Amino acid sequence: MKELVEVIAKSLVEHPDEVVVTETENDKSILVELRVAPSDMGKVIGKQGRIAKAIRSVVKAASSKEDKKVVVEILQ
């Protein structure tokens, strides 16, 4: 999941070198944290959160094979 979020985020932002994705896994869930440059936050979130929602939808579809819930958090 980490690689998927990283590829999507880097294609959206102006500063792809500042994209940092961390993945934490426990028994029932996977937490993916996405950090981008402050100037790129709007591009990753989108109007009314549409892009963020789309990223979460793609990750959810990709994780359907695993029996774990995937949570994507966008941090500054």
PDB file of N, CA and C in Angstrom:
ATOM      1  N   MET A   1       0.823  -1.199   0.000  1.00  0.00           N
ATOM      2  CA  MET A   1       0.000   0.000   0.000  1.00  0.00           C
ATOM      3  C   MET A   1       0.867   1.262   0.000  1.00  0.00           C
ATOM      4  N   LYS A   2       1.994   1.173   0.684  1.00  0.00           N
ATOM      5  CA  LYS A   2       2.884   2.323   0.793  1.00  0.00           C
ATOM      6  C   LYS A   2       3.329   2.803  -0.594  1.00  0.00           C
ATOM      7  N   GLU A   3       3.720   1.873  -1.437  1.00  0.00           N
ATOM      8  CA  GLU A   3       4.198   2.230  -2.767  1.00  0.00           C
ATOM      9  C   GLU A   3       3.083   2.849  -3.609  1.00  0.00           C
ATOM     10  N   LEU A   4       1.894   2.317  -3.492  1.00  0.00           N
ATOM     11  CA  LEU A   4       0.753   2.836  -4.249  1.00  0.00           C
ATOM     12  C   LEU A   4       0.451   4.285  -3.884  1.00  0.00           C
ATOM     13  N   VAL A   5       0.376   4.569  -2.597  1.00  0.00           N
ATOM     14  CA  VAL A   5       0.104   5.931  -2.141  1.00  0.00           C
ATOM     15  C   VAL A   5       1.232   6.867  -2.567  1.00  0.00           C
ATOM     16  N   GLU A   6       2.454   6.380  -2.491  1.00  0.00           N
ATOM     17  CA  GLU A   6       3.616   7.205  -2.865  1.00  0.00           C
ATOM     18  C   GLU A   6       3.577   7.574  -4.345  1.00  0.00           C
ATOM     19  N   VAL A   7       3.274   6.631  -5.207  1.00  0.00           N
ATOM     20  CA  VAL A   7       3.208   6.895  -6.651  1.00  0.00           C
ATOM     21  C   VAL A   7       2.102   7.891  -6.973  1.00  0.00           C
ATOM     22  N   ILE A   8       0.947   7.709  -6.364  1.00  0.00           N
ATOM     23  CA  ILE A   8      -0.178   8.621  -6.605  1.00  0.00           C
ATOM     24  C   ILE A   8       0.168  10.028  -6.136  1.00  0.00           C
ATOM     25  N   ALA A   9       0.699  10.144  -4.921  1.00  0.00           N
ATOM     26  CA  ALA A   9       1.014  11.454  -4.355  1.00  0.00           C
ATOM     27  C   ALA A   9       2.094  12.169  -5.163  1.00  0.00           C
ATOM     28  N   LYS A  10       3.127  11.454  -5.554  1.00  0.00           N
ATOM     29  CA  LYS A  10       4.215  12.083  -6.306  1.00  0.00           C
ATOM     30  C   LYS A  10       3.752  12.589  -7.669  1.00  0.00           C
ATOM     31  N   SER A  11       2.747  11.940  -8.242  1.00  0.00           N
ATOM     32  CA  SER A  11       2.245  12.398  -9.538  1.00  0.00           C
ATOM     33  C   SER A  11       1.367  13.645  -9.408  1.00  0.00           C
ATOM     34  N   LEU A  12       0.890  13.930  -8.203  1.00  0.00           N
ATOM     35  CA  LEU A  12      -0.004  15.070  -7.991  1.00  0.00           C
ATOM     36  C   LEU A  12       0.719  16.356  -7.594  1.00  0.00           C
ATOM     37  N   VAL A  13       1.825  16.242  -6.894  1.00  0.00           N
ATOM     38  CA  VAL A  13       2.445  17.406  -6.254  1.00  0.00           C
ATOM     39  C   VAL A  13       3.534  18.053  -7.114  1.00  0.00           C
ATOM     40  N   GLU A  14       3.896  19.285  -6.742  1.00  0.00           N
ATOM     41  CA  GLU A  14       4.976  20.001  -7.419  1.00  0.00           C
ATOM     42  C   GLU A  14       6.340  19.654  -6.844  1.00  0.00           C
ATOM     43  N   HIS A  15       6.371  19.189  -5.597  1.00  0.00           N
ATOM     44  CA  HIS A  15       7.631  18.836  -4.933  1.00  0.00           C
ATOM     45  C   HIS A  15       7.616  17.348  -4.575  1.00  0.00           C
ATOM     46  N   PRO A  16       7.802  16.464  -5.568  1.00  0.00           N
ATOM     47  CA  PRO A  16       7.725  15.023  -5.284  1.00  0.00           C
ATOM     48  C   PRO A  16       8.819  14.517  -4.351  1.00  0.00           C
ATOM     49  N   ASP A  17       9.921  15.256  -4.249  1.00  0.00           N
ATOM     50  CA  ASP A  17      10.992  14.835  -3.353  1.00  0.00           C
ATOM     51  C   ASP A  17      10.630  15.006  -1.880  1.00  0.00           C
ATOM     52  N   GLU A  18       9.587  15.795  -1.592  1.00  0.00           N
ATOM     53  CA  GLU A  18       9.170  16.015  -0.206  1.00  0.00           C
ATOM     54  C   GLU A  18       8.024  15.098   0.226  1.00  0.00           C
ATOM     55  N   VAL A  19       7.637  14.171  -0.631  1.00  0.00           N
ATOM     56  CA  VAL A  19       6.576  13.222  -0.287  1.00  0.00           C
ATOM     57  C   VAL A  19       7.167  12.117   0.582  1.00  0.00           C
ATOM     58  N   VAL A  20       6.562  11.916   1.760  1.00  0.00           N
ATOM     59  CA  VAL A  20       7.009  10.865   2.682  1.00  0.00           C
ATOM     60  C   VAL A  20       5.794  10.017   3.052  1.00  0.00           C
ATOM     61  N   VAL A  21       5.925   8.713   2.844  1.00  0.00           N
ATOM     62  CA  VAL A  21       4.838   7.794   3.175  1.00  0.00           C
ATOM     63  C   VAL A  21       5.362   6.776   4.175  1.00  0.00           C
ATOM     64  N   THR A  22       4.648   6.638   5.291  1.00  0.00           N
ATOM     65  CA  THR A  22       5.009   5.624   6.284  1.00  0.00           C
ATOM     66  C   THR A  22       3.842   4.663   6.459  1.00  0.00           C
ATOM     67  N   GLU A  23       4.174   3.420   6.725  1.00  0.00           N
ATOM     68  CA  GLU A  23       3.142   2.386   6.862  1.00  0.00           C
ATOM     69  C   GLU A  23       3.337   1.673   8.193  1.00  0.00           C
ATOM     70  N   THR A  24       2.263   1.615   8.974  1.00  0.00           N
ATOM     71  CA  THR A  24       2.283   0.926  10.263  1.00  0.00           C
ATOM     72  C   THR A  24       1.210  -0.159  10.222  1.00  0.00           C
ATOM     73  N   GLU A  25       1.607  -1.355  10.575  1.00  0.00           N
ATOM     74  CA  GLU A  25       0.678  -2.482  10.479  1.00  0.00           C
ATOM     75  C   GLU A  25       0.474  -3.119  11.848  1.00  0.00           C
ATOM     76  N   ASN A  26      -0.789  -3.439  12.151  1.00  0.00           N
ATOM     77  CA  ASN A  26      -1.067  -4.216  13.353  1.00  0.00           C
ATOM     78  C   ASN A  26      -2.004  -5.365  12.979  1.00  0.00           C
ATOM     79  N   ASP A  27      -2.648  -5.979  13.964  1.00  0.00           N
ATOM     80  CA  ASP A  27      -3.422  -7.199  13.715  1.00  0.00           C
ATOM     81  C   ASP A  27      -4.512  -7.040  12.668  1.00  0.00           C
ATOM     82  N   LYS A  28      -5.309  -5.982  12.796  1.00  0.00           N
ATOM     83  CA  LYS A  28      -6.493  -5.870  11.942  1.00  0.00           C
ATOM     84  C   LYS A  28      -6.465  -4.717  10.953  1.00  0.00           C
ATOM     85  N   SER A  29      -5.451  -3.860  11.039  1.00  0.00           N
ATOM     86  CA  SER A  29      -5.452  -2.699  10.152  1.00  0.00           C
ATOM     87  C   SER A  29      -4.043  -2.277   9.746  1.00  0.00           C
ATOM     88  N   ILE A  30      -4.004  -1.489   8.691  1.00  0.00           N
ATOM     89  CA  ILE A  30      -2.764  -0.903   8.203  1.00  0.00           C
ATOM     90  C   ILE A  30      -2.984   0.606   8.160  1.00  0.00           C
ATOM     91  N   LEU A  31      -2.086   1.356   8.775  1.00  0.00           N
ATOM     92  CA  LEU A  31      -2.162   2.808   8.776  1.00  0.00           C
ATOM     93  C   LEU A  31      -1.106   3.343   7.820  1.00  0.00           C
ATOM     94  N   VAL A  32      -1.551   4.094   6.817  1.00  0.00           N
ATOM     95  CA  VAL A  32      -0.642   4.702   5.851  1.00  0.00           C
ATOM     96  C   VAL A  32      -0.702   6.206   6.068  1.00  0.00           C
ATOM     97  N   GLU A  33       0.444   6.800   6.423  1.00  0.00           N
ATOM     98  CA  GLU A  33       0.511   8.240   6.662  1.00  0.00           C
ATOM     99  C   GLU A  33       1.234   8.897   5.498  1.00  0.00           C
ATOM    100  N   LEU A  34       0.608   9.919   4.940  1.00  0.00           N
ATOM    101  CA  LEU A  34       1.169  10.643   3.801  1.00  0.00           C
ATOM    102  C   LEU A  34       1.515  12.052   4.238  1.00  0.00           C
ATOM    103  N   ARG A  35       2.761  12.432   4.045  1.00  0.00           N
ATOM    104  CA  ARG A  35       3.212  13.797   4.351  1.00  0.00           C
ATOM    105  C   ARG A  35       3.707  14.438   3.070  1.00  0.00           C
ATOM    106  N   VAL A  36       3.243  15.669   2.822  1.00  0.00           N
ATOM    107  CA  VAL A  36       3.674  16.422   1.641  1.00  0.00           C
ATOM    108  C   VAL A  36       4.081  17.828   2.075  1.00  0.00           C
ATOM    109  N   ALA A  37       4.681  18.566   1.155  1.00  0.00           N
ATOM    110  CA  ALA A  37       5.065  19.950   1.451  1.00  0.00           C
ATOM    111  C   ALA A  37       3.804  20.763   1.715  1.00  0.00           C
ATOM    112  N   PRO A  38       3.879  21.752   2.600  1.00  0.00           N
ATOM    113  CA  PRO A  38       2.688  22.570   2.905  1.00  0.00           C
ATOM    114  C   PRO A  38       2.050  23.205   1.665  1.00  0.00           C
ATOM    115  N   SER A  39       2.870  23.564   0.688  1.00  0.00           N
ATOM    116  CA  SER A  39       2.318  24.178  -0.529  1.00  0.00           C
ATOM    117  C   SER A  39       1.576  23.168  -1.404  1.00  0.00           C
ATOM    118  N   ASP A  40       1.789  21.880  -1.168  1.00  0.00           N
ATOM    119  CA  ASP A  40       1.143  20.834  -1.969  1.00  0.00           C
ATOM    120  C   ASP A  40      -0.084  20.221  -1.295  1.00  0.00           C
ATOM    121  N   MET A  41      -0.405  20.666  -0.086  1.00  0.00           N
ATOM    122  CA  MET A  41      -1.542  20.078   0.630  1.00  0.00           C
ATOM    123  C   MET A  41      -2.838  20.187  -0.162  1.00  0.00           C
ATOM    124  N   GLY A  42      -3.074  21.333  -0.763  1.00  0.00           N
ATOM    125  CA  GLY A  42      -4.301  21.538  -1.530  1.00  0.00           C
ATOM    126  C   GLY A  42      -4.417  20.597  -2.709  1.00  0.00           C
ATOM    127  N   LYS A  43      -3.301  20.293  -3.332  1.00  0.00           N
ATOM    128  CA  LYS A  43      -3.317  19.389  -4.488  1.00  0.00           C
ATOM    129  C   LYS A  43      -3.638  17.961  -4.081  1.00  0.00           C
ATOM    130  N   VAL A  44      -3.180  17.563  -2.908  1.00  0.00           N
ATOM    131  CA  VAL A  44      -3.415  16.196  -2.446  1.00  0.00           C
ATOM    132  C   VAL A  44      -4.822  16.030  -1.891  1.00  0.00           C
ATOM    133  N   ILE A  45      -5.338  17.079  -1.255  1.00  0.00           N
ATOM    134  CA  ILE A  45      -6.679  16.998  -0.681  1.00  0.00           C
ATOM    135  C   ILE A  45      -7.746  17.269  -1.738  1.00  0.00           C
ATOM    136  N   GLY A  46      -7.552  18.274  -2.567  1.00  0.00           N
ATOM    137  CA  GLY A  46      -8.513  18.591  -3.616  1.00  0.00           C
ATOM    138  C   GLY A  46      -9.698  19.379  -3.098  1.00  0.00           C
ATOM    139  N   LYS A  47     -10.501  19.865  -4.041  1.00  0.00           N
ATOM    140  CA  LYS A  47     -11.694  20.623  -3.657  1.00  0.00           C
ATOM    141  C   LYS A  47     -12.669  19.707  -2.937  1.00  0.00           C
ATOM    142  N   GLN A  48     -13.077  20.142  -1.767  1.00  0.00           N
ATOM    143  CA  GLN A  48     -14.009  19.408  -0.900  1.00  0.00           C
ATOM    144  C   GLN A  48     -13.503  17.996  -0.593  1.00  0.00           C
ATOM    145  N   GLY A  49     -12.180  17.811  -0.630  1.00  0.00           N
ATOM    146  CA  GLY A  49     -11.594  16.516  -0.283  1.00  0.00           C
ATOM    147  C   GLY A  49     -11.771  15.437  -1.312  1.00  0.00           C
ATOM    148  N   ARG A  50     -12.060  15.804  -2.548  1.00  0.00           N
ATOM    149  CA  ARG A  50     -12.340  14.787  -3.573  1.00  0.00           C
ATOM    150  C   ARG A  50     -11.124  13.941  -3.918  1.00  0.00           C
ATOM    151  N   ILE A  51      -9.960  14.556  -4.031  1.00  0.00           N
ATOM    152  CA  ILE A  51      -8.764  13.793  -4.395  1.00  0.00           C
ATOM    153  C   ILE A  51      -8.367  12.873  -3.240  1.00  0.00           C
ATOM    154  N   ALA A  52      -8.441  13.373  -2.013  1.00  0.00           N
ATOM    155  CA  ALA A  52      -8.140  12.536  -0.850  1.00  0.00           C
ATOM    156  C   ALA A  52      -9.088  11.343  -0.796  1.00  0.00           C
ATOM    157  N   LYS A  53     -10.341  11.574  -1.081  1.00  0.00           N
ATOM    158  CA  LYS A  53     -11.333  10.491  -1.083  1.00  0.00           C
ATOM    159  C   LYS A  53     -11.020   9.485  -2.190  1.00  0.00           C
ATOM    160  N   ALA A  54     -10.593   9.981  -3.340  1.00  0.00           N
ATOM    161  CA  ALA A  54     -10.246   9.098  -4.451  1.00  0.00           C
ATOM    162  C   ALA A  54      -9.027   8.242  -4.114  1.00  0.00           C
ATOM    163  N   ILE A  55      -8.028   8.854  -3.460  1.00  0.00           N
ATOM    164  CA  ILE A  55      -6.843   8.089  -3.039  1.00  0.00           C
ATOM    165  C   ILE A  55      -7.259   6.982  -2.082  1.00  0.00           C
ATOM    166  N   ARG A  56      -8.113   7.322  -1.132  1.00  0.00           N
ATOM    167  CA  ARG A  56      -8.578   6.309  -0.169  1.00  0.00           C
ATOM    168  C   ARG A  56      -9.366   5.202  -0.859  1.00  0.00           C
ATOM    169  N   SER A  57     -10.157   5.543  -1.865  1.00  0.00           N
ATOM    170  CA  SER A  57     -10.935   4.540  -2.600  1.00  0.00           C
ATOM    171  C   SER A  57     -10.029   3.582  -3.367  1.00  0.00           C
ATOM    172  N   VAL A  58      -9.006   4.124  -4.012  1.00  0.00           N
ATOM    173  CA  VAL A  58      -8.070   3.282  -4.762  1.00  0.00           C
ATOM    174  C   VAL A  58      -7.326   2.344  -3.817  1.00  0.00           C
ATOM    175  N   VAL A  59      -6.893   2.859  -2.679  1.00  0.00           N
ATOM    176  CA  VAL A  59      -6.170   2.033  -1.702  1.00  0.00           C
ATOM    177  C   VAL A  59      -7.095   0.957  -1.139  1.00  0.00           C
ATOM    178  N   LYS A  60      -8.341   1.314  -0.893  1.00  0.00           N
ATOM    179  CA  LYS A  60      -9.305   0.336  -0.367  1.00  0.00           C
ATOM    180  C   LYS A  60      -9.535  -0.782  -1.379  1.00  0.00           C
ATOM    181  N   ALA A  61      -9.643  -0.421  -2.656  1.00  0.00           N
ATOM    182  CA  ALA A  61      -9.832  -1.430  -3.698  1.00  0.00           C
ATOM    183  C   ALA A  61      -8.604  -2.331  -3.811  1.00  0.00           C
ATOM    184  N   ALA A  62      -7.423  -1.741  -3.719  1.00  0.00           N
ATOM    185  CA  ALA A  62      -6.189  -2.521  -3.821  1.00  0.00           C
ATOM    186  C   ALA A  62      -5.996  -3.437  -2.617  1.00  0.00           C
ATOM    187  N   SER A  63      -6.545  -3.055  -1.470  1.00  0.00           N
ATOM    188  CA  SER A  63      -6.359  -3.853  -0.253  1.00  0.00           C
ATOM    189  C   SER A  63      -7.467  -4.875  -0.044  1.00  0.00           C
ATOM    190  N   SER A  64      -8.380  -4.982  -0.980  1.00  0.00           N
ATOM    191  CA  SER A  64      -9.514  -5.893  -0.791  1.00  0.00           C
ATOM    192  C   SER A  64      -9.069  -7.357  -0.711  1.00  0.00           C
ATOM    193  N   LYS A  65      -7.894  -7.683  -1.240  1.00  0.00           N
ATOM    194  CA  LYS A  65      -7.390  -9.051  -1.175  1.00  0.00           C
ATOM    195  C   LYS A  65      -6.969  -9.423   0.248  1.00  0.00           C
ATOM    196  N   GLU A  66      -6.518  -8.434   0.987  1.00  0.00           N
ATOM    197  CA  GLU A  66      -6.097  -8.679   2.364  1.00  0.00           C
ATOM    198  C   GLU A  66      -7.307  -8.523   3.294  1.00  0.00           C
ATOM    199  N   ASP A  67      -7.247  -9.189   4.419  1.00  0.00           N
ATOM    200  CA  ASP A  67      -8.336  -9.079   5.385  1.00  0.00           C
ATOM    201  C   ASP A  67      -8.052  -8.000   6.414  1.00  0.00           C
ATOM    202  N   LYS A  68      -7.470  -6.893   5.964  1.00  0.00           N
ATOM    203  CA  LYS A  68      -7.137  -5.805   6.883  1.00  0.00           C
ATOM    204  C   LYS A  68      -7.732  -4.508   6.375  1.00  0.00           C
ATOM    205  N   LYS A  69      -8.137  -3.678   7.322  1.00  0.00           N
ATOM    206  CA  LYS A  69      -8.650  -2.357   6.991  1.00  0.00           C
ATOM    207  C   LYS A  69      -7.461  -1.426   6.778  1.00  0.00           C
ATOM    208  N   VAL A  70      -7.501  -0.642   5.715  1.00  0.00           N
ATOM    209  CA  VAL A  70      -6.415   0.288   5.421  1.00  0.00           C
ATOM    210  C   VAL A  70      -6.918   1.715   5.653  1.00  0.00           C
ATOM    211  N   VAL A  71      -6.192   2.461   6.482  1.00  0.00           N
ATOM    212  CA  VAL A  71      -6.546   3.844   6.795  1.00  0.00           C
ATOM    213  C   VAL A  71      -5.450   4.726   6.213  1.00  0.00           C
ATOM    214  N   VAL A  72      -5.855   5.709   5.392  1.00  0.00           N
ATOM    215  CA  VAL A  72      -4.906   6.658   4.813  1.00  0.00           C
ATOM    216  C   VAL A  72      -5.106   8.002   5.506  1.00  0.00           C
ATOM    217  N   GLU A  73      -4.043   8.501   6.129  1.00  0.00           N
ATOM    218  CA  GLU A  73      -4.084   9.803   6.780  1.00  0.00           C
ATOM    219  C   GLU A  73      -3.151  10.756   6.054  1.00  0.00           C
ATOM    220  N   ILE A  74      -3.631  11.969   5.775  1.00  0.00           N
ATOM    221  CA  ILE A  74      -2.816  12.968   5.129  1.00  0.00           C
ATOM    222  C   ILE A  74      -2.382  13.976   6.199  1.00  0.00           C
ATOM    223  N   LEU A  75      -1.081  14.050   6.427  1.00  0.00           N
ATOM    224  CA  LEU A  75      -0.534  14.890   7.486  1.00  0.00           C
ATOM    225  C   LEU A  75       0.291  16.018   6.888  1.00  0.00           C
ATOM    226  N   GLN A  76       0.454  17.076   7.669  1.00  0.00           N
ATOM    227  CA  GLN A  76       1.251  18.211   7.196  1.00  0.00           C
ATOM    228  C   GLN A  76       2.641  18.178   7.760  1.00  0.00           C
TER     229      GLN A  76
END
